[in-house]
Amino acid sequence: MGISSHPSLVSLSLKDLLEANRNSSYGCLRTKKKGVRRPTRRVLMKRRGGCRRGSNGIRRRVRTLKTLVPNSHSLGLDGLFRETANYILSLQTRVRVMQVMVNVLTPSHD
């Protein structure tokens, strides 16, 4: 089939990865050649923040869910979801009971 132009996959150490990142223009503030404009701070912050935006949103939502569901502060994520489902079911049951009470206690206008 011939010789591939792509280099073979090699396991890199952390030191090799850091060195490769240092030499690339994407992860480095320094420019490789003179005359090449480096990205502005705003663009770099967007790039850096974009990677973490998803996980920060999930963390924020989990934290909000923990404040809404009673007795869920010490639970793990699976326990939190289980407790949330049980809490939703109990709230639905409470609403049904109150609807029945309103229907029974409201005088009929026949």
N, C-alpha and C. Protein backbone atom coordinates (compact mmCIF):
# COMPACT_ATOMS: atom_id res chain seq x y z
N MET A 1 0.82 -1.20 0.00
CA MET A 1 0.00 0.00 0.00
C MET A 1 0.85 1.25 0.00
N GLY A 2 2.11 1.15 0.27
CA GLY A 2 2.96 2.32 0.22
C GLY A 2 3.24 2.87 1.59
N ILE A 3 4.08 3.83 1.62
CA ILE A 3 4.46 4.45 2.88
C ILE A 3 3.54 5.62 3.15
N SER A 4 3.01 5.67 4.35
CA SER A 4 2.10 6.74 4.73
C SER A 4 2.89 8.02 4.98
N SER A 5 2.30 9.13 4.58
CA SER A 5 2.95 10.41 4.82
C SER A 5 2.72 10.90 6.25
N HIS A 6 1.79 10.26 6.96
CA HIS A 6 1.50 10.64 8.34
C HIS A 6 2.48 9.94 9.27
N PRO A 7 3.00 10.65 10.27
CA PRO A 7 3.90 9.99 11.21
C PRO A 7 3.13 8.99 12.05
N SER A 8 3.80 7.97 12.50
CA SER A 8 3.15 6.96 13.32
C SER A 8 2.80 7.56 14.68
N LEU A 9 1.81 6.96 15.30
CA LEU A 9 1.38 7.45 16.61
C LEU A 9 2.42 7.08 17.65
N VAL A 10 2.82 8.04 18.42
CA VAL A 10 3.83 7.84 19.45
C VAL A 10 3.26 8.35 20.76
N SER A 11 3.45 7.60 21.83
CA SER A 11 2.97 8.08 23.12
C SER A 11 3.89 9.21 23.58
N LEU A 12 3.29 10.30 23.96
CA LEU A 12 4.05 11.46 24.39
C LEU A 12 3.96 11.60 25.90
N SER A 13 5.02 12.06 26.47
CA SER A 13 5.01 12.33 27.91
C SER A 13 4.45 13.73 28.12
N LEU A 14 4.17 14.06 29.35
CA LEU A 14 3.67 15.40 29.68
C LEU A 14 4.67 16.46 29.27
N LYS A 15 5.95 16.15 29.44
CA LYS A 15 7.00 17.10 29.05
C LYS A 15 6.96 17.36 27.54
N ASP A 16 6.76 16.29 26.74
CA ASP A 16 6.68 16.45 25.29
C ASP A 16 5.45 17.28 24.90
N LEU A 17 4.33 17.03 25.57
CA LEU A 17 3.11 17.78 25.26
C LEU A 17 3.27 19.25 25.59
N LEU A 18 3.89 19.54 26.74
CA LEU A 18 4.10 20.93 27.12
C LEU A 18 5.04 21.63 26.14
N GLU A 19 6.06 20.92 25.70
CA GLU A 19 7.01 21.48 24.73
C GLU A 19 6.31 21.75 23.40
N ALA A 20 5.48 20.82 22.95
CA ALA A 20 4.75 21.01 21.70
C ALA A 20 3.79 22.18 21.82
N ASN A 21 3.14 22.32 22.96
CA ASN A 21 2.22 23.43 23.18
C ASN A 21 2.98 24.75 23.21
N ARG A 22 4.15 24.75 23.80
CA ARG A 22 4.96 25.96 23.88
C ARG A 22 5.38 26.41 22.48
N ASN A 23 5.65 25.47 21.61
CA ASN A 23 6.10 25.80 20.26
C ASN A 23 4.96 26.14 19.31
N SER A 24 3.74 25.80 19.66
CA SER A 24 2.61 26.11 18.77
C SER A 24 2.15 27.54 19.01
N SER A 25 1.55 28.14 18.01
CA SER A 25 1.08 29.52 18.16
C SER A 25 -0.29 29.56 18.82
N TYR A 26 -0.98 28.42 18.91
CA TYR A 26 -2.32 28.42 19.47
C TYR A 26 -2.30 28.61 20.98
N GLY A 27 -1.45 27.89 21.68
CA GLY A 27 -1.47 27.95 23.13
C GLY A 27 -0.45 28.90 23.72
N CYS A 28 0.20 29.68 22.90
CA CYS A 28 1.31 30.50 23.38
C CYS A 28 1.05 31.96 23.05
N LEU A 29 1.41 32.84 23.97
CA LEU A 29 1.24 34.27 23.71
C LEU A 29 2.35 34.82 22.82
N ARG A 30 3.50 34.17 22.84
CA ARG A 30 4.61 34.64 22.01
C ARG A 30 4.37 34.27 20.56
N THR A 31 4.94 35.07 19.70
CA THR A 31 4.81 34.76 18.27
C THR A 31 6.05 34.03 17.80
N LYS A 32 5.86 33.23 16.76
CA LYS A 32 6.99 32.47 16.23
C LYS A 32 7.92 33.35 15.42
N LYS A 33 7.36 34.22 14.60
CA LYS A 33 8.17 35.05 13.71
C LYS A 33 7.85 36.51 13.99
N LYS A 34 8.81 37.34 13.68
CA LYS A 34 8.55 38.78 13.81
C LYS A 34 7.59 39.19 12.71
N GLY A 35 6.78 40.16 13.02
CA GLY A 35 5.85 40.67 12.04
C GLY A 35 4.50 39.98 12.08
N VAL A 36 4.39 38.89 12.78
CA VAL A 36 3.11 38.19 12.89
C VAL A 36 2.41 38.73 14.12
N ARG A 37 1.19 39.21 13.94
CA ARG A 37 0.44 39.75 15.07
C ARG A 37 -0.02 38.61 15.96
N ARG A 38 0.14 38.80 17.24
CA ARG A 38 -0.37 37.79 18.15
C ARG A 38 -1.84 38.09 18.44
N PRO A 39 -2.61 37.08 18.80
CA PRO A 39 -4.03 37.29 19.09
C PRO A 39 -4.21 38.22 20.28
N THR A 40 -5.27 38.99 20.24
CA THR A 40 -5.54 39.90 21.35
C THR A 40 -5.94 39.11 22.59
N ARG A 41 -5.86 39.77 23.72
CA ARG A 41 -6.21 39.12 24.99
C ARG A 41 -7.66 38.65 24.96
N ARG A 42 -8.53 39.43 24.35
CA ARG A 42 -9.95 39.09 24.31
C ARG A 42 -10.17 37.77 23.57
N VAL A 43 -9.49 37.60 22.45
CA VAL A 43 -9.62 36.37 21.68
C VAL A 43 -9.07 35.20 22.48
N LEU A 44 -7.94 35.39 23.12
CA LEU A 44 -7.35 34.32 23.91
C LEU A 44 -8.25 33.92 25.07
N MET A 45 -8.88 34.90 25.71
CA MET A 45 -9.77 34.59 26.82
C MET A 45 -10.98 33.82 26.33
N LYS A 46 -11.48 34.17 25.14
CA LYS A 46 -12.62 33.45 24.58
C LYS A 46 -12.23 32.00 24.31
N ARG A 47 -11.04 31.80 23.74
CA ARG A 47 -10.59 30.43 23.45
C ARG A 47 -10.45 29.62 24.73
N ARG A 48 -9.82 30.22 25.73
CA ARG A 48 -9.61 29.51 26.99
C ARG A 48 -10.93 29.24 27.69
N GLY A 49 -11.81 30.23 27.72
CA GLY A 49 -13.07 30.08 28.43
C GLY A 49 -14.03 29.14 27.73
N GLY A 50 -13.90 29.02 26.41
CA GLY A 50 -14.80 28.16 25.66
C GLY A 50 -14.68 26.71 26.04
N CYS A 51 -13.51 26.28 26.44
CA CYS A 51 -13.29 24.89 26.82
C CYS A 51 -13.99 24.58 28.14
N ARG A 52 -14.02 25.54 29.03
CA ARG A 52 -14.56 25.29 30.36
C ARG A 52 -16.02 25.67 30.48
N ARG A 53 -16.56 26.33 29.47
CA ARG A 53 -17.91 26.85 29.58
C ARG A 53 -18.92 25.74 29.84
N GLY A 54 -18.80 24.62 29.15
CA GLY A 54 -19.74 23.52 29.32
C GLY A 54 -19.72 22.94 30.71
N SER A 55 -18.54 22.67 31.23
CA SER A 55 -18.46 22.08 32.57
C SER A 55 -18.88 23.07 33.64
N ASN A 56 -18.60 24.35 33.45
CA ASN A 56 -19.05 25.35 34.43
C ASN A 56 -20.57 25.43 34.44
N GLY A 57 -21.19 25.34 33.29
CA GLY A 57 -22.65 25.38 33.22
C GLY A 57 -23.27 24.19 33.92
N ILE A 58 -22.67 23.02 33.75
CA ILE A 58 -23.18 21.82 34.41
C ILE A 58 -23.00 21.94 35.91
N ARG A 59 -21.84 22.40 36.35
CA ARG A 59 -21.61 22.57 37.80
C ARG A 59 -22.62 23.55 38.40
N ARG A 60 -22.88 24.63 37.68
CA ARG A 60 -23.82 25.64 38.17
C ARG A 60 -25.22 25.04 38.28
N ARG A 61 -25.62 24.25 37.30
CA ARG A 61 -26.95 23.64 37.32
C ARG A 61 -27.08 22.61 38.44
N VAL A 62 -26.02 21.83 38.66
CA VAL A 62 -26.05 20.86 39.76
C VAL A 62 -26.13 21.58 41.09
N ARG A 63 -25.39 22.66 41.24
CA ARG A 63 -25.43 23.44 42.49
C ARG A 63 -26.83 24.01 42.70
N THR A 64 -27.46 24.51 41.63
CA THR A 64 -28.82 25.04 41.74
C THR A 64 -29.80 23.94 42.12
N LEU A 65 -29.64 22.76 41.50
CA LEU A 65 -30.52 21.64 41.81
C LEU A 65 -30.38 21.23 43.27
N LYS A 66 -29.17 21.26 43.80
CA LYS A 66 -28.96 20.92 45.21
C LYS A 66 -29.65 21.90 46.14
N THR A 67 -29.76 23.16 45.72
CA THR A 67 -30.47 24.13 46.57
C THR A 67 -31.98 23.94 46.49
N LEU A 68 -32.48 23.41 45.39
CA LEU A 68 -33.93 23.24 45.22
C LEU A 68 -34.47 21.98 45.88
N VAL A 69 -33.69 20.91 45.87
CA VAL A 69 -34.14 19.63 46.40
C VAL A 69 -33.70 19.52 47.86
N PRO A 70 -34.65 19.29 48.78
CA PRO A 70 -34.29 19.21 50.20
C PRO A 70 -33.43 17.98 50.50
N ASN A 71 -32.53 18.11 51.46
CA ASN A 71 -31.66 17.03 51.95
C ASN A 71 -30.80 16.43 50.84
N SER A 72 -30.30 17.24 49.94
CA SER A 72 -29.51 16.69 48.83
C SER A 72 -28.08 17.23 48.81
N HIS A 73 -27.67 17.96 49.83
CA HIS A 73 -26.35 18.58 49.81
C HIS A 73 -25.21 17.58 49.93
N SER A 74 -25.43 16.46 50.61
CA SER A 74 -24.34 15.50 50.81
C SER A 74 -24.39 14.33 49.83
N LEU A 75 -25.28 14.39 48.84
CA LEU A 75 -25.42 13.29 47.89
C LEU A 75 -24.47 13.45 46.72
N GLY A 76 -24.13 12.32 46.11
CA GLY A 76 -23.38 12.35 44.86
C GLY A 76 -24.34 12.67 43.73
N LEU A 77 -23.83 12.67 42.51
CA LEU A 77 -24.65 13.05 41.36
C LEU A 77 -25.78 12.06 41.13
N ASP A 78 -25.50 10.75 41.20
CA ASP A 78 -26.56 9.76 40.98
C ASP A 78 -27.61 9.83 42.09
N GLY A 79 -27.17 10.03 43.33
CA GLY A 79 -28.11 10.18 44.44
C GLY A 79 -28.94 11.45 44.30
N LEU A 80 -28.31 12.51 43.80
CA LEU A 80 -29.02 13.77 43.60
C LEU A 80 -30.14 13.59 42.57
N PHE A 81 -29.84 12.90 41.46
CA PHE A 81 -30.87 12.69 40.44
C PHE A 81 -32.00 11.79 40.96
N ARG A 82 -31.65 10.78 41.73
CA ARG A 82 -32.66 9.89 42.31
C ARG A 82 -33.54 10.67 43.28
N GLU A 83 -32.91 11.47 44.14
CA GLU A 83 -33.66 12.27 45.11
C GLU A 83 -34.53 13.31 44.41
N THR A 84 -34.03 13.87 43.32
CA THR A 84 -34.81 14.84 42.54
C THR A 84 -36.06 14.20 41.96
N ALA A 85 -35.90 12.99 41.41
CA ALA A 85 -37.06 12.27 40.84
C ALA A 85 -38.09 11.98 41.93
N ASN A 86 -37.63 11.54 43.10
CA ASN A 86 -38.56 11.28 44.21
C ASN A 86 -39.25 12.55 44.67
N TYR A 87 -38.51 13.65 44.70
CA TYR A 87 -39.08 14.93 45.13
C TYR A 87 -40.15 15.40 44.14
N ILE A 88 -39.89 15.23 42.85
CA ILE A 88 -40.88 15.61 41.83
C ILE A 88 -42.14 14.78 42.00
N LEU A 89 -41.99 13.47 42.22
CA LEU A 89 -43.16 12.61 42.42
C LEU A 89 -43.95 13.03 43.66
N SER A 90 -43.25 13.39 44.74
CA SER A 90 -43.97 13.80 45.95
C SER A 90 -44.70 15.12 45.73
N LEU A 91 -44.10 16.04 44.97
CA LEU A 91 -44.78 17.30 44.67
C LEU A 91 -46.01 17.07 43.80
N GLN A 92 -45.91 16.17 42.83
CA GLN A 92 -47.07 15.86 41.99
C GLN A 92 -48.19 15.25 42.82
N THR A 93 -47.84 14.39 43.76
CA THR A 93 -48.84 13.78 44.63
C THR A 93 -49.51 14.84 45.50
N ARG A 94 -48.73 15.76 46.04
CA ARG A 94 -49.31 16.84 46.85
C ARG A 94 -50.30 17.68 46.05
N VAL A 95 -49.95 17.97 44.79
CA VAL A 95 -50.84 18.77 43.95
C VAL A 95 -52.14 18.01 43.70
N ARG A 96 -52.05 16.71 43.42
CA ARG A 96 -53.27 15.92 43.19
C ARG A 96 -54.16 15.89 44.43
N VAL A 97 -53.54 15.72 45.60
CA VAL A 97 -54.31 15.69 46.85
C VAL A 97 -55.00 17.03 47.06
N MET A 98 -54.31 18.13 46.82
CA MET A 98 -54.92 19.45 46.98
C MET A 98 -56.05 19.66 45.97
N GLN A 99 -55.89 19.15 44.74
CA GLN A 99 -56.97 19.28 43.76
C GLN A 99 -58.20 18.51 44.20
N VAL A 100 -58.01 17.32 44.74
CA VAL A 100 -59.13 16.52 45.24
C VAL A 100 -59.80 17.25 46.40
N MET A 101 -59.01 17.81 47.31
CA MET A 101 -59.58 18.55 48.45
C MET A 101 -60.40 19.74 47.97
N VAL A 102 -59.89 20.46 46.98
CA VAL A 102 -60.64 21.61 46.45
C VAL A 102 -61.94 21.15 45.83
N ASN A 103 -61.90 20.06 45.06
CA ASN A 103 -63.13 19.55 44.42
C ASN A 103 -64.15 19.08 45.44
N VAL A 104 -63.69 18.46 46.52
CA VAL A 104 -64.60 17.95 47.55
C VAL A 104 -65.16 19.08 48.39
N LEU A 105 -64.35 20.05 48.74
CA LEU A 105 -64.77 21.10 49.67
C LEU A 105 -65.46 22.28 48.99
N THR A 106 -65.38 22.38 47.69
CA THR A 106 -66.03 23.48 46.99
C THR A 106 -67.51 23.14 46.82
N PRO A 107 -68.39 24.07 47.24
CA PRO A 107 -69.82 23.78 47.06
C PRO A 107 -70.19 23.76 45.58
N SER A 108 -71.02 22.81 45.23
CA SER A 108 -71.45 22.71 43.83
C SER A 108 -72.59 23.68 43.57
N HIS A 109 -72.66 24.21 42.39
CA HIS A 109 -73.68 25.20 42.01
C HIS A 109 -74.69 24.54 41.09
N ASP A 110 -75.35 23.49 41.55
CA ASP A 110 -76.34 22.80 40.72
C ASP A 110 -77.65 23.49 40.72
